[in-house]
Amino acid sequence: MKLLHVDSSILGTHSVSRQLTSEIVAQWRKLHPDTQVEHLDLALNAPNHFSADALGIKTGVQAEPTEAQRLENAVSEQLVSQFLAADVIVVGAPLYNFSVPTQLKAWIDRLAQMGRTFKYTDTGPVGLATGKTVIVASTRGGVYSTSEGGQAMEHQESYLKVLFGFFGITDVRIVRAEGVAMGDAAKAAALSAAQTDIAAIAA
């Protein structure tokens, strides 16, 4: 079994999402000791933002790709191949400005490749990355899950569920710690709840 451990927080050792992804991976390996883990730190090694060069080879408009297109395509192919090779993907996804970090979005844009992670048919899109488990470590400074207004403001968990579902992944699990910027007591309660979820969700 292969597990891809993806971190995207820019906060280093102060990151709650990094703490949770480490705990999720440790719990998974405890229960599945044969698991091979590969770590991708997008804060240290993020792909360039999606561009015309990154899309160039995919469109087939030009007969001969440019050097810039070849370089960007190589990055995309490395990332999508790494993703497709994994059976389990653990994603650290803090909420930044109501959405996911720009580094995480840049990674996702490289994964969304027609013919690799999805295809279009006469009845609509079909995901090609089936049979995987995704565990998202969702962290939030405030509390968004308990009110209709809060749920309307977050484009983090909702986005990731739609995105991975579009890829054909039906097993998307969420470990959430929210309210972590609302004082020490709130943060401790959030972490305790998340750790309880980890014990159950990584089984």
C-alpha atoms as a PDB file:
ATOM      1  CA  MET A   1       0.000   0.000   0.000  1.00  0.00           C
ATOM      2  CA  LYS A   2       1.231   3.488  -0.888  1.00  0.00           C
ATOM      3  CA  LEU A   3       0.318   6.632   1.033  1.00  0.00           C
ATOM      4  CA  LEU A   4       0.956  10.146  -0.265  1.00  0.00           C
ATOM      5  CA  HIS A   5       1.294  12.675   2.575  1.00  0.00           C
ATOM      6  CA  VAL A   6       0.656  16.209   1.298  1.00  0.00           C
ATOM      7  CA  ASP A   7       1.227  19.341   3.393  1.00  0.00           C
ATOM      8  CA  SER A   8       0.412  22.857   2.232  1.00  0.00           C
ATOM      9  CA  SER A   9       0.546  25.064   5.329  1.00  0.00           C
ATOM     10  CA  ILE A  10       3.087  27.899   5.239  1.00  0.00           C
ATOM     11  CA  LEU A  11       3.392  27.944   9.063  1.00  0.00           C
ATOM     12  CA  GLY A  12       6.019  25.225   9.493  1.00  0.00           C
ATOM     13  CA  THR A  13       6.233  23.863  13.035  1.00  0.00           C
ATOM     14  CA  HIS A  14       3.411  26.203  14.131  1.00  0.00           C
ATOM     15  CA  SER A  15       0.969  24.570  11.718  1.00  0.00           C
ATOM     16  CA  VAL A  16      -2.008  22.703  13.141  1.00  0.00           C
ATOM     17  CA  SER A  17      -2.735  20.999   9.817  1.00  0.00           C
ATOM     18  CA  ARG A  18       0.828  19.644   9.712  1.00  0.00           C
ATOM     19  CA  GLN A  19       0.416  18.309  13.238  1.00  0.00           C
ATOM     20  CA  LEU A  20      -2.788  16.552  12.227  1.00  0.00           C
ATOM     21  CA  THR A  21      -1.448  15.072   8.983  1.00  0.00           C
ATOM     22  CA  SER A  22       1.527  13.655  10.898  1.00  0.00           C
ATOM     23  CA  GLU A  23      -0.815  12.089  13.420  1.00  0.00           C
ATOM     24  CA  ILE A  24      -3.064  10.687  10.693  1.00  0.00           C
ATOM     25  CA  VAL A  25      -0.106   9.126   8.883  1.00  0.00           C
ATOM     26  CA  ALA A  26       1.268   7.686  12.142  1.00  0.00           C
ATOM     27  CA  GLN A  27      -2.112   6.169  12.987  1.00  0.00           C
ATOM     28  CA  TRP A  28      -2.494   4.739   9.486  1.00  0.00           C
ATOM     29  CA  ARG A  29       0.961   3.173   9.618  1.00  0.00           C
ATOM     30  CA  LYS A  30       0.217   1.744  13.050  1.00  0.00           C
ATOM     31  CA  LEU A  31      -2.824  -0.027  11.634  1.00  0.00           C
ATOM     32  CA  HIS A  32      -1.248  -0.787   8.240  1.00  0.00           C
ATOM     33  CA  PRO A  33       2.478  -1.333   8.904  1.00  0.00           C
ATOM     34  CA  ASP A  34       3.214  -2.348   5.309  1.00  0.00           C
ATOM     35  CA  THR A  35       2.343   1.162   4.090  1.00  0.00           C
ATOM     36  CA  GLN A  36       4.977   3.030   2.077  1.00  0.00           C
ATOM     37  CA  VAL A  37       4.821   6.781   2.717  1.00  0.00           C
ATOM     38  CA  GLU A  38       5.910   9.563   0.377  1.00  0.00           C
ATOM     39  CA  HIS A  39       5.832  13.162   1.626  1.00  0.00           C
ATOM     40  CA  LEU A  40       5.076  16.143  -0.608  1.00  0.00           C
ATOM     41  CA  ASP A  41       5.588  19.536   1.055  1.00  0.00           C
ATOM     42  CA  LEU A  42       3.934  22.106  -1.162  1.00  0.00           C
ATOM     43  CA  ALA A  43       5.088  25.028   0.959  1.00  0.00           C
ATOM     44  CA  LEU A  44       8.672  24.083   0.091  1.00  0.00           C
ATOM     45  CA  ASN A  45       8.166  22.645  -3.365  1.00  0.00           C
ATOM     46  CA  ALA A  46       5.029  24.021  -4.991  1.00  0.00           C
ATOM     47  CA  PRO A  47       4.521  23.823  -8.747  1.00  0.00           C
ATOM     48  CA  ASN A  48       4.160  27.057 -10.661  1.00  0.00           C
ATOM     49  CA  HIS A  49       0.644  28.374 -10.891  1.00  0.00           C
ATOM     50  CA  PHE A  50      -1.277  26.991 -13.837  1.00  0.00           C
ATOM     51  CA  SER A  51      -0.378  28.801 -17.033  1.00  0.00           C
ATOM     52  CA  ALA A  52      -0.675  28.610 -20.807  1.00  0.00           C
ATOM     53  CA  ASP A  53       2.649  26.762 -20.856  1.00  0.00           C
ATOM     54  CA  ALA A  54       1.358  24.166 -18.377  1.00  0.00           C
ATOM     55  CA  LEU A  55      -1.697  23.631 -20.558  1.00  0.00           C
ATOM     56  CA  GLY A  56       0.123  23.906 -23.896  1.00  0.00           C
ATOM     57  CA  ILE A  57       1.006  20.286 -24.655  1.00  0.00           C
ATOM     58  CA  LYS A  58      -2.440  19.127 -23.523  1.00  0.00           C
ATOM     59  CA  THR A  59      -4.261  21.234 -26.093  1.00  0.00           C
ATOM     60  CA  GLY A  60      -2.343  19.942 -29.105  1.00  0.00           C
ATOM     61  CA  VAL A  61      -2.645  23.324 -30.780  1.00  0.00           C
ATOM     62  CA  GLN A  62       1.067  23.541 -31.563  1.00  0.00           C
ATOM     63  CA  ALA A  63       2.813  20.856 -33.600  1.00  0.00           C
ATOM     64  CA  GLU A  64       6.040  21.246 -31.626  1.00  0.00           C
ATOM     65  CA  PRO A  65       5.958  22.112 -27.897  1.00  0.00           C
ATOM     66  CA  THR A  66       8.185  24.908 -26.659  1.00  0.00           C
ATOM     67  CA  GLU A  67      10.881  24.266 -24.065  1.00  0.00           C
ATOM     68  CA  ALA A  68       8.767  26.036 -21.431  1.00  0.00           C
ATOM     69  CA  GLN A  69       5.823  23.786 -22.269  1.00  0.00           C
ATOM     70  CA  ARG A  70       7.959  20.662 -22.015  1.00  0.00           C
ATOM     71  CA  LEU A  71       9.284  21.721 -18.608  1.00  0.00           C
ATOM     72  CA  GLU A  72       5.825  22.508 -17.247  1.00  0.00           C
ATOM     73  CA  ASN A  73       4.419  19.281 -18.672  1.00  0.00           C
ATOM     74  CA  ALA A  74       7.158  17.297 -16.938  1.00  0.00           C
ATOM     75  CA  VAL A  75       6.113  18.821 -13.604  1.00  0.00           C
ATOM     76  CA  SER A  76       2.448  18.002 -14.253  1.00  0.00           C
ATOM     77  CA  GLU A  77       3.244  14.433 -15.260  1.00  0.00           C
ATOM     78  CA  GLN A  78       5.410  13.835 -12.188  1.00  0.00           C
ATOM     79  CA  LEU A  79       2.690  15.097  -9.856  1.00  0.00           C
ATOM     80  CA  VAL A  80      -0.236  13.275 -11.465  1.00  0.00           C
ATOM     81  CA  SER A  81       1.756  10.028 -11.682  1.00  0.00           C
ATOM     82  CA  GLN A  82       2.662  10.321  -7.994  1.00  0.00           C
ATOM     83  CA  PHE A  83      -0.994  10.925  -7.129  1.00  0.00           C
ATOM     84  CA  LEU A  84      -2.297   8.046  -9.232  1.00  0.00           C
ATOM     85  CA  ALA A  85       0.263   5.644  -7.750  1.00  0.00           C
ATOM     86  CA  ALA A  86      -1.023   6.280  -4.211  1.00  0.00           C
ATOM     87  CA  ASP A  87      -3.740   4.193  -2.586  1.00  0.00           C
ATOM     88  CA  VAL A  88      -4.233   6.681   0.249  1.00  0.00           C
ATOM     89  CA  ILE A  89      -3.748  10.451   0.114  1.00  0.00           C
ATOM     90  CA  VAL A  90      -3.534  12.498   3.324  1.00  0.00           C
ATOM     91  CA  VAL A  91      -3.953  16.207   2.603  1.00  0.00           C
ATOM     92  CA  GLY A  92      -3.240  19.029   5.025  1.00  0.00           C
ATOM     93  CA  ALA A  93      -5.669  21.794   4.049  1.00  0.00           C
ATOM     94  CA  PRO A  94      -5.787  24.881   6.266  1.00  0.00           C
ATOM     95  CA  LEU A  95      -8.436  27.489   5.513  1.00  0.00           C
ATOM     96  CA  TYR A  96      -6.805  30.597   4.070  1.00  0.00           C
ATOM     97  CA  ASN A  97      -9.126  33.493   3.195  1.00  0.00           C
ATOM     98  CA  PHE A  98     -12.130  31.155   2.990  1.00  0.00           C
ATOM     99  CA  SER A  99     -10.421  28.681   0.629  1.00  0.00           C
ATOM    100  CA  VAL A 100      -7.398  26.395   0.333  1.00  0.00           C
ATOM    101  CA  PRO A 101      -3.775  27.632   0.196  1.00  0.00           C
ATOM    102  CA  THR A 102      -2.622  28.770  -3.213  1.00  0.00           C
ATOM    103  CA  GLN A 103       0.087  26.082  -3.097  1.00  0.00           C
ATOM    104  CA  LEU A 104      -2.539  23.371  -2.705  1.00  0.00           C
ATOM    105  CA  LYS A 105      -4.611  24.808  -5.557  1.00  0.00           C
ATOM    106  CA  ALA A 106      -1.516  24.829  -7.800  1.00  0.00           C
ATOM    107  CA  TRP A 107      -1.034  21.099  -7.068  1.00  0.00           C
ATOM    108  CA  ILE A 108      -4.692  20.345  -7.770  1.00  0.00           C
ATOM    109  CA  ASP A 109      -4.504  22.166 -11.097  1.00  0.00           C
ATOM    110  CA  ARG A 110      -1.696  19.816 -12.152  1.00  0.00           C
ATOM    111  CA  LEU A 111      -3.732  16.742 -11.146  1.00  0.00           C
ATOM    112  CA  ALA A 112      -6.849  17.717 -13.080  1.00  0.00           C
ATOM    113  CA  GLN A 113      -5.840  16.188 -16.400  1.00  0.00           C
ATOM    114  CA  MET A 114      -8.320  14.866 -18.928  1.00  0.00           C
ATOM    115  CA  GLY A 115      -7.475  11.256 -19.675  1.00  0.00           C
ATOM    116  CA  ARG A 116      -5.571  10.829 -16.401  1.00  0.00           C
ATOM    117  CA  THR A 117      -7.883  11.754 -13.519  1.00  0.00           C
ATOM    118  CA  PHE A 118     -11.129  12.293 -15.458  1.00  0.00           C
ATOM    119  CA  LYS A 119     -12.650  12.008 -18.907  1.00  0.00           C
ATOM    120  CA  TYR A 120     -15.667  13.442 -20.691  1.00  0.00           C
ATOM    121  CA  THR A 121     -18.313  11.152 -22.136  1.00  0.00           C
ATOM    122  CA  ASP A 122     -21.616  11.687 -23.922  1.00  0.00           C
ATOM    123  CA  THR A 123     -23.316  11.474 -20.521  1.00  0.00           C
ATOM    124  CA  GLY A 124     -20.937  13.825 -18.721  1.00  0.00           C
ATOM    125  CA  PRO A 125     -17.589  13.650 -16.893  1.00  0.00           C
ATOM    126  CA  VAL A 126     -16.323  10.396 -15.380  1.00  0.00           C
ATOM    127  CA  GLY A 127     -13.604  10.187 -12.725  1.00  0.00           C
ATOM    128  CA  LEU A 128     -10.643   7.914 -13.442  1.00  0.00           C
ATOM    129  CA  ALA A 129      -8.871   7.933 -10.056  1.00  0.00           C
ATOM    130  CA  THR A 130     -11.236   5.468  -8.423  1.00  0.00           C
ATOM    131  CA  GLY A 131     -10.545   3.156  -5.492  1.00  0.00           C
ATOM    132  CA  LYS A 132      -8.521   5.619  -3.427  1.00  0.00           C
ATOM    133  CA  THR A 133      -9.009   6.933   0.096  1.00  0.00           C
ATOM    134  CA  VAL A 134      -8.456  10.628   0.767  1.00  0.00           C
ATOM    135  CA  ILE A 135      -8.155  11.951   4.321  1.00  0.00           C
ATOM    136  CA  VAL A 136      -8.265  15.741   4.623  1.00  0.00           C
ATOM    137  CA  ALA A 137      -6.874  17.446   7.715  1.00  0.00           C
ATOM    138  CA  SER A 138      -9.026  20.573   7.721  1.00  0.00           C
ATOM    139  CA  THR A 139      -8.005  23.414  10.027  1.00  0.00           C
ATOM    140  CA  ARG A 140      -9.707  26.754  10.584  1.00  0.00           C
ATOM    141  CA  GLY A 141      -9.038  29.721  12.804  1.00  0.00           C
ATOM    142  CA  GLY A 142     -12.759  30.348  13.253  1.00  0.00           C
ATOM    143  CA  VAL A 143     -15.832  28.133  13.440  1.00  0.00           C
ATOM    144  CA  TYR A 144     -17.661  27.557  10.162  1.00  0.00           C
ATOM    145  CA  SER A 145     -19.389  24.191  10.454  1.00  0.00           C
ATOM    146  CA  THR A 146     -22.104  25.049  12.970  1.00  0.00           C
ATOM    147  CA  SER A 147     -24.060  27.735  11.126  1.00  0.00           C
ATOM    148  CA  GLU A 148     -25.558  28.196   7.690  1.00  0.00           C
ATOM    149  CA  GLY A 149     -23.667  31.455   7.272  1.00  0.00           C
ATOM    150  CA  GLY A 150     -20.361  29.836   8.202  1.00  0.00           C
ATOM    151  CA  GLN A 151     -20.912  26.933   5.830  1.00  0.00           C
ATOM    152  CA  ALA A 152     -21.628  29.376   3.000  1.00  0.00           C
ATOM    153  CA  MET A 153     -18.325  31.162   3.668  1.00  0.00           C
ATOM    154  CA  GLU A 154     -15.998  28.168   3.499  1.00  0.00           C
ATOM    155  CA  HIS A 155     -14.702  26.982   0.126  1.00  0.00           C
ATOM    156  CA  GLN A 156     -12.194  24.525   1.546  1.00  0.00           C
ATOM    157  CA  GLU A 157     -13.798  21.229   2.580  1.00  0.00           C
ATOM    158  CA  SER A 158     -16.677  21.730   0.142  1.00  0.00           C
ATOM    159  CA  TYR A 159     -14.245  22.384  -2.716  1.00  0.00           C
ATOM    160  CA  LEU A 160     -12.041  19.389  -1.911  1.00  0.00           C
ATOM    161  CA  LYS A 161     -15.002  17.022  -1.650  1.00  0.00           C
ATOM    162  CA  VAL A 162     -16.265  18.136  -5.069  1.00  0.00           C
ATOM    163  CA  LEU A 163     -12.781  18.026  -6.587  1.00  0.00           C
ATOM    164  CA  PHE A 164     -11.874  14.533  -5.408  1.00  0.00           C
ATOM    165  CA  GLY A 165     -15.381  13.342  -6.253  1.00  0.00           C
ATOM    166  CA  PHE A 166     -14.865  14.661  -9.796  1.00  0.00           C
ATOM    167  CA  PHE A 167     -11.741  12.492  -9.942  1.00  0.00           C
ATOM    168  CA  GLY A 168     -13.896   9.469  -9.047  1.00  0.00           C
ATOM    169  CA  ILE A 169     -12.871   9.211  -5.392  1.00  0.00           C
ATOM    170  CA  THR A 170     -15.880   8.404  -3.224  1.00  0.00           C
ATOM    171  CA  ASP A 171     -14.017   7.734   0.042  1.00  0.00           C
ATOM    172  CA  VAL A 172     -13.153  11.256   1.250  1.00  0.00           C
ATOM    173  CA  ARG A 173     -12.785  11.554   5.020  1.00  0.00           C
ATOM    174  CA  ILE A 174     -12.493  14.818   6.962  1.00  0.00           C
ATOM    175  CA  VAL A 175     -10.567  15.384  10.206  1.00  0.00           C
ATOM    176  CA  ARG A 176     -11.479  18.901  11.298  1.00  0.00           C
ATOM    177  CA  ALA A 177     -10.010  21.265  13.891  1.00  0.00           C
ATOM    178  CA  GLU A 178     -11.744  24.635  13.856  1.00  0.00           C
ATOM    179  CA  GLY A 179     -11.676  27.578  16.191  1.00  0.00           C
ATOM    180  CA  VAL A 180      -7.920  27.176  16.648  1.00  0.00           C
ATOM    181  CA  ALA A 181      -7.391  30.963  16.666  1.00  0.00           C
ATOM    182  CA  MET A 182     -10.110  31.605  19.255  1.00  0.00           C
ATOM    183  CA  GLY A 183      -7.994  31.136  22.364  1.00  0.00           C
ATOM    184  CA  ASP A 184      -6.099  28.355  24.083  1.00  0.00           C
ATOM    185  CA  ALA A 185      -9.182  26.552  25.412  1.00  0.00           C
ATOM    186  CA  ALA A 186     -10.891  26.528  22.023  1.00  0.00           C
ATOM    187  CA  LYS A 187      -7.729  25.315  20.307  1.00  0.00           C
ATOM    188  CA  ALA A 188      -7.228  22.524  22.858  1.00  0.00           C
ATOM    189  CA  ALA A 189     -10.842  21.406  22.435  1.00  0.00           C
ATOM    190  CA  ALA A 190     -10.499  21.452  18.635  1.00  0.00           C
ATOM    191  CA  LEU A 191      -7.330  19.366  18.732  1.00  0.00           C
ATOM    192  CA  SER A 192      -8.863  16.895  21.159  1.00  0.00           C
ATOM    193  CA  ALA A 193     -11.903  16.440  18.893  1.00  0.00           C
ATOM    194  CA  ALA A 194      -9.662  16.029  15.842  1.00  0.00           C
ATOM    195  CA  GLN A 195      -7.511  13.420  17.569  1.00  0.00           C
ATOM    196  CA  THR A 196     -10.622  11.451  18.479  1.00  0.00           C
ATOM    197  CA  ASP A 197     -11.637  11.571  14.815  1.00  0.00           C
ATOM    198  CA  ILE A 198      -8.166  10.408  13.750  1.00  0.00           C
ATOM    199  CA  ALA A 199      -8.434   7.314  15.921  1.00  0.00           C
ATOM    200  CA  ALA A 200     -11.651   6.379  14.128  1.00  0.00           C
ATOM    201  CA  ILE A 201     -11.128   7.737  10.640  1.00  0.00           C
ATOM    202  CA  ALA A 202      -7.694   6.259   9.939  1.00  0.00           C
ATOM    203  CA  ALA A 203      -8.853   2.737  10.739  1.00  0.00           C
END
